[in-house]
């Protein structure tokens, strides 16, 4: 168990370093005249969770349906 926690912390440190490094390189490219850079951050590219674009009412309706609740 201790190994898993240590490995997780090591991986998290590496990820933070990668995000910091890529953000810094992106800022350097932006500051150069006509520098080209990716418009999306590295942190956004590795985040593979789809964004929920539903309204609050749509989310509530979905929860009600999935739970089998009856609203009167």
Protein backbone atom coordinates (compact mmCIF):
# COMPACT_ATOMS: atom_id res chain seq x y z
CA UNK A 1 0.00 0.00 0.00
CA UNK A 2 2.82 2.39 0.85
CA UNK A 3 4.35 1.76 -2.56
CA UNK A 4 1.12 2.68 -4.31
CA UNK A 5 0.84 5.95 -2.38
CA UNK A 6 4.50 6.78 -3.02
CA UNK A 7 4.09 6.01 -6.72
CA UNK A 8 0.94 8.13 -6.94
CA UNK A 9 2.71 11.07 -5.31
CA UNK A 10 5.69 10.68 -7.64
CA UNK A 11 3.43 10.58 -10.70
CA UNK A 12 1.54 13.63 -9.45
CA UNK A 13 4.78 15.57 -9.00
CA UNK A 14 5.83 14.66 -12.54
CA UNK A 15 2.47 15.77 -13.92
CA UNK A 16 2.69 19.10 -12.09
CA UNK A 17 6.19 19.62 -13.53
CA UNK A 18 4.97 18.85 -17.06
CA UNK A 19 2.08 21.30 -16.74
CA UNK A 20 4.37 24.00 -15.33
CA UNK A 21 6.95 23.45 -18.09
CA UNK A 22 4.44 23.48 -20.93
CA UNK A 23 2.66 26.56 -19.54
CA UNK A 24 6.01 28.35 -19.30
CA UNK A 25 6.97 27.41 -22.84
CA UNK A 26 3.57 28.59 -24.07
CA UNK A 27 4.05 31.96 -22.35
CA UNK A 28 7.51 32.31 -23.91
CA UNK A 29 6.09 31.59 -27.36
CA UNK A 30 3.26 34.11 -26.82
CA UNK A 31 5.70 36.83 -25.80
CA UNK A 32 7.79 36.46 -28.96
CA UNK A 33 6.77 38.56 -31.95
CA UNK A 34 4.58 36.36 -34.09
CA UNK A 35 5.35 33.31 -31.99
CA UNK A 36 3.19 30.32 -32.73
CA UNK A 37 1.83 28.21 -29.91
CA UNK A 38 -0.95 25.78 -29.15
CA UNK A 39 -4.07 27.55 -27.97
CA UNK A 40 -4.92 24.68 -25.64
CA UNK A 41 -2.97 24.03 -22.44
CA UNK A 42 -1.31 20.66 -21.86
CA UNK A 43 -3.44 20.25 -18.74
CA UNK A 44 -6.58 20.64 -20.87
CA UNK A 45 -5.33 18.16 -23.47
CA UNK A 46 -4.71 15.37 -20.95
CA UNK A 47 -8.05 15.92 -19.23
CA UNK A 48 -10.10 13.30 -21.05
CA UNK A 49 -13.36 13.94 -19.22
CA UNK A 50 -16.09 15.21 -21.56
CA UNK A 51 -17.56 18.56 -20.58
CA UNK A 52 -21.18 18.55 -19.47
CA UNK A 53 -23.01 21.22 -21.46
CA UNK A 54 -26.47 20.53 -20.08
CA UNK A 55 -28.45 23.14 -18.20
CA UNK A 56 -29.28 22.69 -14.54
CA UNK A 57 -32.85 21.79 -15.41
CA UNK A 58 -31.69 19.08 -17.82
CA UNK A 59 -29.40 17.59 -15.18
CA UNK A 60 -32.21 17.54 -12.60
CA UNK A 61 -34.57 15.89 -15.09
CA UNK A 62 -31.93 13.26 -15.89
CA UNK A 63 -31.38 12.47 -12.20
CA UNK A 64 -35.11 12.16 -11.62
CA UNK A 65 -35.49 9.75 -14.53
CA UNK A 66 -32.45 7.64 -13.57
CA UNK A 67 -33.59 7.33 -9.97
CA UNK A 68 -37.10 6.40 -11.00
CA UNK A 69 -38.62 9.24 -9.01
CA UNK A 70 -42.10 10.54 -9.66
CA UNK A 71 -42.55 14.29 -9.40
CA UNK A 72 -46.07 15.47 -8.80
